[in-house]
C-alpha atoms as a PDB file:
ATOM      1  CA  UNK A   1       0.974 -10.613 -41.320  1.00  0.00           C
ATOM      2  CA  UNK A   2       1.403 -14.011 -39.678  1.00  0.00           C
ATOM      3  CA  UNK A   3       2.744 -16.838 -41.767  1.00  0.00           C
ATOM      4  CA  UNK A   4      -0.038 -19.177 -42.826  1.00  0.00           C
ATOM      5  CA  UNK A   5       2.446 -21.943 -43.697  1.00  0.00           C
ATOM      6  CA  UNK A   6       3.468 -22.608 -40.105  1.00  0.00           C
ATOM      7  CA  UNK A   7       1.502 -25.423 -38.479  1.00  0.00           C
ATOM      8  CA  UNK A   8       1.868 -23.795 -35.078  1.00  0.00           C
ATOM      9  CA  UNK A   9       2.696 -20.366 -33.803  1.00  0.00           C
ATOM     10  CA  UNK A  10       3.560 -19.751 -30.183  1.00  0.00           C
ATOM     11  CA  UNK A  11       3.010 -16.594 -28.134  1.00  0.00           C
ATOM     12  CA  UNK A  12       6.570 -15.326 -28.544  1.00  0.00           C
ATOM     13  CA  UNK A  13       6.526 -15.767 -32.326  1.00  0.00           C
ATOM     14  CA  UNK A  14       3.081 -14.191 -32.602  1.00  0.00           C
ATOM     15  CA  UNK A  15       4.209 -11.136 -30.654  1.00  0.00           C
ATOM     16  CA  UNK A  16       7.298 -10.740 -32.822  1.00  0.00           C
ATOM     17  CA  UNK A  17       5.245 -11.053 -35.990  1.00  0.00           C
ATOM     18  CA  UNK A  18       2.658  -8.634 -34.645  1.00  0.00           C
ATOM     19  CA  UNK A  19       5.275  -6.074 -33.688  1.00  0.00           C
ATOM     20  CA  UNK A  20       6.813  -6.326 -37.149  1.00  0.00           C
ATOM     21  CA  UNK A  21       3.404  -5.930 -38.803  1.00  0.00           C
ATOM     22  CA  UNK A  22       2.769  -2.701 -36.880  1.00  0.00           C
ATOM     23  CA  UNK A  23       6.272  -1.252 -37.179  1.00  0.00           C
ATOM     24  CA  UNK A  24       6.062   2.189 -38.758  1.00  0.00           C
ATOM     25  CA  UNK A  25       2.276   2.195 -38.378  1.00  0.00           C
ATOM     26  CA  UNK A  26       2.121   2.648 -34.619  1.00  0.00           C
ATOM     27  CA  UNK A  27       4.318   4.513 -32.143  1.00  0.00           C
ATOM     28  CA  UNK A  28       3.850   1.620 -29.728  1.00  0.00           C
ATOM     29  CA  UNK A  29       4.000  -1.428 -31.985  1.00  0.00           C
ATOM     30  CA  UNK A  30       5.149  -3.888 -29.300  1.00  0.00           C
ATOM     31  CA  UNK A  31       2.604  -2.764 -26.731  1.00  0.00           C
ATOM     32  CA  UNK A  32      -0.159  -2.813 -29.336  1.00  0.00           C
ATOM     33  CA  UNK A  33       0.796  -6.346 -30.354  1.00  0.00           C
ATOM     34  CA  UNK A  34       0.726  -7.472 -26.725  1.00  0.00           C
ATOM     35  CA  UNK A  35      -2.685  -5.930 -26.068  1.00  0.00           C
ATOM     36  CA  UNK A  36      -4.175  -7.342 -29.256  1.00  0.00           C
ATOM     37  CA  UNK A  37      -2.777 -10.820 -28.681  1.00  0.00           C
ATOM     38  CA  UNK A  38      -4.060 -10.716 -25.094  1.00  0.00           C
ATOM     39  CA  UNK A  39      -7.480  -9.925 -26.479  1.00  0.00           C
ATOM     40  CA  UNK A  40      -7.308 -12.653 -29.111  1.00  0.00           C
ATOM     41  CA  UNK A  41      -6.231 -15.260 -26.555  1.00  0.00           C
ATOM     42  CA  UNK A  42      -8.498 -13.910 -23.788  1.00  0.00           C
ATOM     43  CA  UNK A  43      -5.507 -13.747 -21.478  1.00  0.00           C
ATOM     44  CA  UNK A  44      -3.792 -10.839 -19.743  1.00  0.00           C
ATOM     45  CA  UNK A  45      -0.333  -9.561 -20.623  1.00  0.00           C
ATOM     46  CA  UNK A  46       1.214 -11.168 -17.537  1.00  0.00           C
ATOM     47  CA  UNK A  47       0.131 -14.542 -18.885  1.00  0.00           C
ATOM     48  CA  UNK A  48       1.848 -13.796 -22.212  1.00  0.00           C
ATOM     49  CA  UNK A  49       5.116 -13.057 -20.429  1.00  0.00           C
ATOM     50  CA  UNK A  50       4.829 -16.210 -18.362  1.00  0.00           C
ATOM     51  CA  UNK A  51       3.935 -18.473 -21.292  1.00  0.00           C
ATOM     52  CA  UNK A  52       6.031 -17.461 -24.316  1.00  0.00           C
ATOM     53  CA  UNK A  53       6.020 -20.985 -25.744  1.00  0.00           C
ATOM     54  CA  UNK A  54       2.250 -21.527 -25.438  1.00  0.00           C
ATOM     55  CA  UNK A  55       0.751 -22.362 -28.849  1.00  0.00           C
ATOM     56  CA  UNK A  56      -1.825 -20.184 -30.595  1.00  0.00           C
ATOM     57  CA  UNK A  57      -4.660 -22.065 -32.249  1.00  0.00           C
ATOM     58  CA  UNK A  58      -5.667 -21.443 -35.857  1.00  0.00           C
ATOM     59  CA  UNK A  59      -8.785 -19.577 -34.758  1.00  0.00           C
ATOM     60  CA  UNK A  60      -6.779 -17.421 -32.333  1.00  0.00           C
ATOM     61  CA  UNK A  61      -4.309 -16.601 -35.093  1.00  0.00           C
ATOM     62  CA  UNK A  62      -7.166 -15.589 -37.383  1.00  0.00           C
ATOM     63  CA  UNK A  63      -8.573 -13.240 -34.735  1.00  0.00           C
ATOM     64  CA  UNK A  64      -5.120 -11.788 -34.040  1.00  0.00           C
ATOM     65  CA  UNK A  65      -4.481 -11.181 -37.751  1.00  0.00           C
ATOM     66  CA  UNK A  66      -7.789  -9.330 -38.098  1.00  0.00           C
ATOM     67  CA  UNK A  67      -6.946  -7.174 -35.080  1.00  0.00           C
ATOM     68  CA  UNK A  68      -3.500  -6.386 -36.460  1.00  0.00           C
ATOM     69  CA  UNK A  69      -5.005  -5.440 -39.835  1.00  0.00           C
ATOM     70  CA  UNK A  70      -7.367  -3.018 -38.125  1.00  0.00           C
ATOM     71  CA  UNK A  71      -4.603  -1.459 -36.069  1.00  0.00           C
ATOM     72  CA  UNK A  72      -2.346  -1.194 -39.108  1.00  0.00           C
ATOM     73  CA  UNK A  73      -4.836   1.147 -40.806  1.00  0.00           C
ATOM     74  CA  UNK A  74      -5.145   3.280 -37.677  1.00  0.00           C
ATOM     75  CA  UNK A  75      -8.220   1.899 -35.945  1.00  0.00           C
ATOM     76  CA  UNK A  76      -7.997   2.735 -32.214  1.00  0.00           C
ATOM     77  CA  UNK A  77      -7.011  -0.051 -29.846  1.00  0.00           C
ATOM     78  CA  UNK A  78     -10.100   0.538 -27.727  1.00  0.00           C
ATOM     79  CA  UNK A  79     -12.385  -0.129 -30.678  1.00  0.00           C
ATOM     80  CA  UNK A  80     -10.509  -3.292 -31.572  1.00  0.00           C
ATOM     81  CA  UNK A  81     -10.628  -4.694 -28.051  1.00  0.00           C
ATOM     82  CA  UNK A  82     -14.040  -3.191 -27.258  1.00  0.00           C
ATOM     83  CA  UNK A  83     -12.807  -1.760 -23.968  1.00  0.00           C
ATOM     84  CA  UNK A  84     -11.184   1.354 -22.513  1.00  0.00           C
ATOM     85  CA  UNK A  85     -10.227   2.136 -18.927  1.00  0.00           C
ATOM     86  CA  UNK A  86     -11.755   5.297 -17.454  1.00  0.00           C
ATOM     87  CA  UNK A  87     -11.791   6.292 -13.787  1.00  0.00           C
ATOM     88  CA  UNK A  88     -10.097   2.922 -13.127  1.00  0.00           C
ATOM     89  CA  UNK A  89     -13.126   1.182 -14.618  1.00  0.00           C
ATOM     90  CA  UNK A  90     -12.930  -1.126 -17.662  1.00  0.00           C
ATOM     91  CA  UNK A  91     -15.643   0.310 -19.887  1.00  0.00           C
ATOM     92  CA  UNK A  92     -17.142  -1.155 -23.031  1.00  0.00           C
ATOM     93  CA  UNK A  93     -16.865   1.037 -26.136  1.00  0.00           C
ATOM     94  CA  UNK A  94     -17.955   0.628 -29.737  1.00  0.00           C
ATOM     95  CA  UNK A  95     -17.864   2.373 -33.080  1.00  0.00           C
ATOM     96  CA  UNK A  96     -20.943   4.304 -31.914  1.00  0.00           C
ATOM     97  CA  UNK A  97     -19.295   5.821 -28.848  1.00  0.00           C
ATOM     98  CA  UNK A  98     -16.523   8.299 -28.266  1.00  0.00           C
ATOM     99  CA  UNK A  99     -13.529   6.635 -26.647  1.00  0.00           C
ATOM    100  CA  UNK A 100     -13.203   8.127 -23.134  1.00  0.00           C
ATOM    101  CA  UNK A 101     -10.145  10.341 -22.731  1.00  0.00           C
ATOM    102  CA  UNK A 102      -8.066  11.027 -19.592  1.00  0.00           C
ATOM    103  CA  UNK A 103      -8.958  14.728 -19.877  1.00  0.00           C
ATOM    104  CA  UNK A 104     -12.578  13.915 -19.143  1.00  0.00           C
ATOM    105  CA  UNK A 105     -11.626  12.567 -15.725  1.00  0.00           C
ATOM    106  CA  UNK A 106     -11.057  16.232 -14.818  1.00  0.00           C
ATOM    107  CA  UNK A 107     -14.737  16.855 -15.502  1.00  0.00           C
ATOM    108  CA  UNK A 108     -15.668  14.011 -13.148  1.00  0.00           C
ATOM    109  CA  UNK A 109     -13.332  15.409 -10.480  1.00  0.00           C
ATOM    110  CA  UNK A 110     -14.958  18.840 -10.609  1.00  0.00           C
ATOM    111  CA  UNK A 111     -18.423  17.319 -10.421  1.00  0.00           C
ATOM    112  CA  UNK A 112     -17.502  15.283  -7.357  1.00  0.00           C
ATOM    113  CA  UNK A 113     -16.101  18.353  -5.612  1.00  0.00           C
ATOM    114  CA  UNK A 114     -19.567  19.912  -5.854  1.00  0.00           C
ATOM    115  CA  UNK A 115     -21.473  16.807  -4.775  1.00  0.00           C
ATOM    116  CA  UNK A 116     -21.234  15.795  -1.102  1.00  0.00           C
ATOM    117  CA  UNK A 117     -20.456  12.108  -0.424  1.00  0.00           C
ATOM    118  CA  UNK A 118     -24.043  11.166   0.435  1.00  0.00           C
ATOM    119  CA  UNK A 119     -25.722  13.535  -2.003  1.00  0.00           C
ATOM    120  CA  UNK A 120     -29.112  12.507  -3.382  1.00  0.00           C
ATOM    121  CA  UNK A 121     -29.070  15.320  -5.942  1.00  0.00           C
ATOM    122  CA  UNK A 122     -30.554  14.942  -9.394  1.00  0.00           C
ATOM    123  CA  UNK A 123     -27.744  15.081 -11.977  1.00  0.00           C
ATOM    124  CA  UNK A 124     -28.167  15.231 -15.746  1.00  0.00           C
ATOM    125  CA  UNK A 125     -25.516  14.147 -18.214  1.00  0.00           C
ATOM    126  CA  UNK A 126     -26.097  15.296 -21.775  1.00  0.00           C
ATOM    127  CA  UNK A 127     -24.583  13.200 -24.579  1.00  0.00           C
ATOM    128  CA  UNK A 128     -23.508  10.269 -22.421  1.00  0.00           C
ATOM    129  CA  UNK A 129     -21.996   8.095 -25.182  1.00  0.00           C
ATOM    130  CA  UNK A 130     -20.429   5.094 -23.439  1.00  0.00           C
ATOM    131  CA  UNK A 131     -21.825   6.326 -20.131  1.00  0.00           C
ATOM    132  CA  UNK A 132     -18.326   6.947 -18.780  1.00  0.00           C
ATOM    133  CA  UNK A 133     -19.124  10.132 -16.852  1.00  0.00           C
ATOM    134  CA  UNK A 134     -22.449   8.982 -15.414  1.00  0.00           C
ATOM    135  CA  UNK A 135     -21.044   5.591 -14.404  1.00  0.00           C
ATOM    136  CA  UNK A 136     -17.985   7.174 -12.772  1.00  0.00           C
ATOM    137  CA  UNK A 137     -20.226   9.539 -10.794  1.00  0.00           C
ATOM    138  CA  UNK A 138     -22.479   6.664  -9.749  1.00  0.00           C
ATOM    139  CA  UNK A 139     -19.555   4.647  -8.394  1.00  0.00           C
ATOM    140  CA  UNK A 140     -18.399   7.591  -6.262  1.00  0.00           C
ATOM    141  CA  UNK A 141     -21.818   8.964  -5.259  1.00  0.00           C
ATOM    142  CA  UNK A 142     -24.214   5.997  -5.288  1.00  0.00           C
ATOM    143  CA  UNK A 143     -27.145   7.972  -3.859  1.00  0.00           C
ATOM    144  CA  UNK A 144     -27.270  10.359  -6.826  1.00  0.00           C
ATOM    145  CA  UNK A 145     -30.355  10.302  -9.040  1.00  0.00           C
ATOM    146  CA  UNK A 146     -28.704  10.247 -12.444  1.00  0.00           C
ATOM    147  CA  UNK A 147     -30.314  10.860 -15.823  1.00  0.00           C
ATOM    148  CA  UNK A 148     -28.152  10.413 -18.933  1.00  0.00           C
ATOM    149  CA  UNK A 149     -29.203  11.202 -22.493  1.00  0.00           C
ATOM    150  CA  UNK A 150     -27.929  10.451 -25.966  1.00  0.00           C
ATOM    151  CA  UNK A 151     -29.468  10.641 -29.416  1.00  0.00           C
ATOM    152  CA  UNK A 152     -27.839   7.373 -30.535  1.00  0.00           C
ATOM    153  CA  UNK A 153     -29.608   4.195 -29.438  1.00  0.00           C
ATOM    154  CA  UNK A 154     -26.509   2.073 -30.137  1.00  0.00           C
ATOM    155  CA  UNK A 155     -24.467   4.315 -27.840  1.00  0.00           C
ATOM    156  CA  UNK A 156     -27.092   3.989 -25.106  1.00  0.00           C
ATOM    157  CA  UNK A 157     -26.897   0.204 -25.388  1.00  0.00           C
ATOM    158  CA  UNK A 158     -23.184   0.443 -24.578  1.00  0.00           C
ATOM    159  CA  UNK A 159     -23.891   2.881 -21.729  1.00  0.00           C
ATOM    160  CA  UNK A 160     -26.490   0.518 -20.250  1.00  0.00           C
ATOM    161  CA  UNK A 161     -23.966  -2.314 -20.404  1.00  0.00           C
ATOM    162  CA  UNK A 162     -21.403  -0.245 -18.510  1.00  0.00           C
ATOM    163  CA  UNK A 163     -23.957   0.886 -15.946  1.00  0.00           C
ATOM    164  CA  UNK A 164     -25.132  -2.686 -15.352  1.00  0.00           C
ATOM    165  CA  UNK A 165     -21.535  -3.759 -14.855  1.00  0.00           C
ATOM    166  CA  UNK A 166     -20.307  -0.965 -12.603  1.00  0.00           C
ATOM    167  CA  UNK A 167     -23.012   1.371 -11.267  1.00  0.00           C
ATOM    168  CA  UNK A 168     -24.210   0.407  -7.769  1.00  0.00           C
ATOM    169  CA  UNK A 169     -27.599   2.049  -8.344  1.00  0.00           C
ATOM    170  CA  UNK A 170     -29.705   2.469 -11.518  1.00  0.00           C
ATOM    171  CA  UNK A 171     -29.021   5.256 -14.006  1.00  0.00           C
ATOM    172  CA  UNK A 172     -31.965   6.448 -16.082  1.00  0.00           C
ATOM    173  CA  UNK A 173     -31.011   6.548 -19.750  1.00  0.00           C
ATOM    174  CA  UNK A 174     -33.121   8.518 -22.220  1.00  0.00           C
ATOM    175  CA  UNK A 175     -32.948   8.511 -26.002  1.00  0.00           C
ATOM    176  CA  UNK A 176     -33.053  11.996 -27.510  1.00  0.00           C
ATOM    177  CA  UNK A 177     -31.232  15.188 -28.424  1.00  0.00           C
ATOM    178  CA  UNK A 178     -29.898  17.242 -25.499  1.00  0.00           C
ATOM    179  CA  UNK A 179     -32.774  18.787 -23.491  1.00  0.00           C
ATOM    180  CA  UNK A 180     -35.500  17.527 -25.836  1.00  0.00           C
ATOM    181  CA  UNK A 181     -36.165  14.386 -23.774  1.00  0.00           C
ATOM    182  CA  UNK A 182     -36.799  16.210 -20.499  1.00  0.00           C
ATOM    183  CA  UNK A 183     -40.241  16.779 -19.034  1.00  0.00           C
ATOM    184  CA  UNK A 184     -41.653  20.318 -18.692  1.00  0.00           C
ATOM    185  CA  UNK A 185     -40.354  21.893 -15.503  1.00  0.00           C
ATOM    186  CA  UNK A 186     -37.821  19.119 -14.859  1.00  0.00           C
ATOM    187  CA  UNK A 187     -34.752  20.556 -13.106  1.00  0.00           C
ATOM    188  CA  UNK A 188     -31.435  19.282 -11.813  1.00  0.00           C
ATOM    189  CA  UNK A 189     -28.831  20.224  -9.225  1.00  0.00           C
ATOM    190  CA  UNK A 190     -26.119  19.677 -11.829  1.00  0.00           C
ATOM    191  CA  UNK A 191     -25.798  19.351 -15.581  1.00  0.00           C
ATOM    192  CA  UNK A 192     -22.576  17.840 -16.877  1.00  0.00           C
ATOM    193  CA  UNK A 193     -21.518  17.277 -20.470  1.00  0.00           C
ATOM    194  CA  UNK A 194     -18.584  16.461 -22.700  1.00  0.00           C
ATOM    195  CA  UNK A 195     -20.256  17.469 -25.975  1.00  0.00           C
ATOM    196  CA  UNK A 196     -18.728  17.472 -29.461  1.00  0.00           C
ATOM    197  CA  UNK A 197     -16.469  20.517 -29.696  1.00  0.00           C
ATOM    198  CA  UNK A 198     -14.123  20.080 -32.667  1.00  0.00           C
ATOM    199  CA  UNK A 199     -14.700  22.662 -35.383  1.00  0.00           C
ATOM    200  CA  UNK A 200     -15.094  21.667 -39.014  1.00  0.00           C
ATOM    201  CA  UNK A 201     -12.065  23.798 -39.882  1.00  0.00           C
ATOM    202  CA  UNK A 202      -9.953  21.806 -37.403  1.00  0.00           C
ATOM    203  CA  UNK A 203     -10.559  18.459 -39.121  1.00  0.00           C
ATOM    204  CA  UNK A 204      -7.214  18.299 -41.024  1.00  0.00           C
ATOM    205  CA  UNK A 205      -5.324  19.000 -37.794  1.00  0.00           C
ATOM    206  CA  UNK A 206      -6.912  16.335 -35.610  1.00  0.00           C
ATOM    207  CA  UNK A 207      -5.612  12.889 -34.663  1.00  0.00           C
ATOM    208  CA  UNK A 208      -5.862  10.447 -37.565  1.00  0.00           C
ATOM    209  CA  UNK A 209      -7.578   7.881 -35.317  1.00  0.00           C
ATOM    210  CA  UNK A 210     -10.583  10.196 -34.941  1.00  0.00           C
ATOM    211  CA  UNK A 211     -11.811   9.163 -38.378  1.00  0.00           C
ATOM    212  CA  UNK A 212     -12.901   5.872 -36.818  1.00  0.00           C
ATOM    213  CA  UNK A 213     -14.985   7.527 -34.095  1.00  0.00           C
ATOM    214  CA  UNK A 214     -18.563   8.792 -34.558  1.00  0.00           C
ATOM    215  CA  UNK A 215     -18.520  12.232 -36.186  1.00  0.00           C
ATOM    216  CA  UNK A 216     -21.620  13.350 -34.265  1.00  0.00           C
ATOM    217  CA  UNK A 217     -19.655  12.904 -31.025  1.00  0.00           C
ATOM    218  CA  UNK A 218     -16.697  14.947 -32.293  1.00  0.00           C
ATOM    219  CA  UNK A 219     -17.676  17.814 -34.582  1.00  0.00           C
ATOM    220  CA  UNK A 220     -20.048  20.676 -33.877  1.00  0.00           C
ATOM    221  CA  UNK A 221     -20.240  23.387 -36.509  1.00  0.00           C
ATOM    222  CA  UNK A 222     -17.572  25.510 -38.084  1.00  0.00           C
ATOM    223  CA  UNK A 223     -16.073  26.720 -34.783  1.00  0.00           C
ATOM    224  CA  UNK A 224     -16.953  23.645 -32.707  1.00  0.00           C
ATOM    225  CA  UNK A 225     -19.218  25.645 -30.405  1.00  0.00           C
ATOM    226  CA  UNK A 226     -22.698  24.736 -31.654  1.00  0.00           C
ATOM    227  CA  UNK A 227     -23.430  22.068 -29.048  1.00  0.00           C
ATOM    228  CA  UNK A 228     -21.793  24.064 -26.269  1.00  0.00           C
ATOM    229  CA  UNK A 229     -23.908  27.120 -27.106  1.00  0.00           C
ATOM    230  CA  UNK A 230     -27.090  25.050 -27.120  1.00  0.00           C
ATOM    231  CA  UNK A 231     -26.327  23.444 -23.766  1.00  0.00           C
ATOM    232  CA  UNK A 232     -25.328  26.729 -22.141  1.00  0.00           C
ATOM    233  CA  UNK A 233     -28.326  28.673 -23.448  1.00  0.00           C
ATOM    234  CA  UNK A 234     -30.755  26.077 -22.104  1.00  0.00           C
ATOM    235  CA  UNK A 235     -29.095  25.484 -18.749  1.00  0.00           C
ATOM    236  CA  UNK A 236     -30.933  28.149 -16.723  1.00  0.00           C
ATOM    237  CA  UNK A 237     -34.289  26.573 -17.587  1.00  0.00           C
ATOM    238  CA  UNK A 238     -33.109  23.174 -16.367  1.00  0.00           C
ATOM    239  CA  UNK A 239     -31.006  23.948 -13.296  1.00  0.00           C
ATOM    240  CA  UNK A 240     -32.270  24.287  -9.756  1.00  0.00           C
ATOM    241  CA  UNK A 241     -31.440  27.482  -7.904  1.00  0.00           C
ATOM    242  CA  UNK A 242     -27.744  27.207  -7.059  1.00  0.00           C
ATOM    243  CA  UNK A 243     -27.234  24.387  -9.552  1.00  0.00           C
ATOM    244  CA  UNK A 244     -24.034  23.879 -11.515  1.00  0.00           C
ATOM    245  CA  UNK A 245     -23.297  23.491 -15.214  1.00  0.00           C
ATOM    246  CA  UNK A 246     -20.017  21.661 -15.925  1.00  0.00           C
ATOM    247  CA  UNK A 247     -18.637  21.441 -19.445  1.00  0.00           C
ATOM    248  CA  UNK A 248     -15.605  19.974 -21.129  1.00  0.00           C
ATOM    249  CA  UNK A 249     -14.395  21.964 -24.160  1.00  0.00           C
ATOM    250  CA  UNK A 250     -11.417  22.566 -26.400  1.00  0.00           C
ATOM    251  CA  UNK A 251      -8.531  24.470 -24.848  1.00  0.00           C
ATOM    252  CA  UNK A 252      -8.900  27.283 -27.384  1.00  0.00           C
ATOM    253  CA  UNK A 253     -12.589  27.663 -26.515  1.00  0.00           C
ATOM    254  CA  UNK A 254     -12.302  28.698 -22.861  1.00  0.00           C
ATOM    255  CA  UNK A 255     -12.848  32.412 -23.507  1.00  0.00           C
ATOM    256  CA  UNK A 256     -15.809  31.811 -25.814  1.00  0.00           C
ATOM    257  CA  UNK A 257     -17.427  29.352 -23.385  1.00  0.00           C
ATOM    258  CA  UNK A 258     -17.021  31.818 -20.521  1.00  0.00           C
ATOM    259  CA  UNK A 259     -18.661  34.555 -22.581  1.00  0.00           C
ATOM    260  CA  UNK A 260     -21.573  32.272 -23.485  1.00  0.00           C
ATOM    261  CA  UNK A 261     -22.100  31.380 -19.813  1.00  0.00           C
ATOM    262  CA  UNK A 262     -22.131  35.029 -18.798  1.00  0.00           C
ATOM    263  CA  UNK A 263     -24.577  35.892 -21.576  1.00  0.00           C
ATOM    264  CA  UNK A 264     -26.847  33.073 -20.372  1.00  0.00           C
ATOM    265  CA  UNK A 265     -26.986  34.539 -16.885  1.00  0.00           C
ATOM    266  CA  UNK A 266     -24.723  31.979 -15.246  1.00  0.00           C
ATOM    267  CA  UNK A 267     -22.316  33.164 -12.562  1.00  0.00           C
ATOM    268  CA  UNK A 268     -19.513  31.971 -10.260  1.00  0.00           C
ATOM    269  CA  UNK A 269     -17.527  31.091 -13.367  1.00  0.00           C
ATOM    270  CA  UNK A 270     -14.567  28.788 -12.749  1.00  0.00           C
ATOM    271  CA  UNK A 271     -12.235  27.159 -15.265  1.00  0.00           C
ATOM    272  CA  UNK A 272      -9.802  24.280 -14.784  1.00  0.00           C
ATOM    273  CA  UNK A 273      -6.789  23.012 -16.692  1.00  0.00           C
ATOM    274  CA  UNK A 274      -6.007  19.494 -17.829  1.00  0.00           C
ATOM    275  CA  UNK A 275      -2.753  17.653 -17.137  1.00  0.00           C
ATOM    276  CA  UNK A 276      -1.155  19.377 -20.131  1.00  0.00           C
ATOM    277  CA  UNK A 277      -1.945  22.770 -18.606  1.00  0.00           C
ATOM    278  CA  UNK A 278      -4.711  23.651 -21.056  1.00  0.00           C
ATOM    279  CA  UNK A 279      -8.066  25.129 -19.928  1.00  0.00           C
ATOM    280  CA  UNK A 280     -10.413  22.169 -20.415  1.00  0.00           C
ATOM    281  CA  UNK A 281     -13.374  22.385 -17.995  1.00  0.00           C
ATOM    282  CA  UNK A 282     -15.697  25.306 -17.277  1.00  0.00           C
ATOM    283  CA  UNK A 283     -18.058  25.376 -14.307  1.00  0.00           C
ATOM    284  CA  UNK A 284     -20.799  27.976 -13.910  1.00  0.00           C
ATOM    285  CA  UNK A 285     -23.678  28.393 -11.479  1.00  0.00           C
ATOM    286  CA  UNK A 286     -27.342  29.305 -11.850  1.00  0.00           C
ATOM    287  CA  UNK A 287     -28.677  31.416  -9.016  1.00  0.00           C
ATOM    288  CA  UNK A 288     -32.255  32.054 -10.074  1.00  0.00           C
ATOM    289  CA  UNK A 289     -31.356  35.347 -11.668  1.00  0.00           C
ATOM    290  CA  UNK A 290     -29.515  36.689  -8.635  1.00  0.00           C
ATOM    291  CA  UNK A 291     -25.865  36.738  -7.655  1.00  0.00           C
ATOM    292  CA  UNK A 292     -24.238  33.494  -6.612  1.00  0.00           C
END
């Protein structure tokens, strides 16, 4: 890591040392070093470029070294910096939350297409994690009455932080497992969820960084469909007539998710692809037992 014998280390030298420390351990060693040093110095990257000779204090070097050590063993950048951009919003994340992915923005897009600009609809997000989806919806549709659930209190603390920072109107957060925290007869115009959907048999094939993220937010039974099945099977009892269920899922699960929706009596099935061209989001409608 950084040389402890040097009395001073400037920005340029720190970046070079950081890049060298991450070489062969990251596909973006220079960028990672810049982001981590920015975090350690509490400055943006533009400031680093403009001040290459600025000295780093001993305490800043210590923080930077710890960040580099974490990145060197594969810990995600977002966990190290405590922040990840989603829907152009800087969101807090932690070891208790899934790091928001670009693919999930497609889920937000489909939700917004079904919610008029001034909608006051009740919307339920199941398994909110960092609150990324609920907060994004709140920023675009501030009149929505949003309820977001998660079974992890530490994750909800992060979600509340993000909502307080970005949401123009309050989001109601509830601690509990899926539908278990809802009141009898409580219904919504939309249910949206990015549940865990990696199968246990897929574990060896997944990104190595996933080992640092909460397993309960990633894995869901042998085929990855346990949570999806539970959400789909309970949707009709929690949706208003004409309400929508929107789900993110694995690209190999589109056919199975469609079949589960049909079996649950949901109609108007629509599926959407992510930027890589993979089927990633399924939308289905509840019509009170009739045709949509």
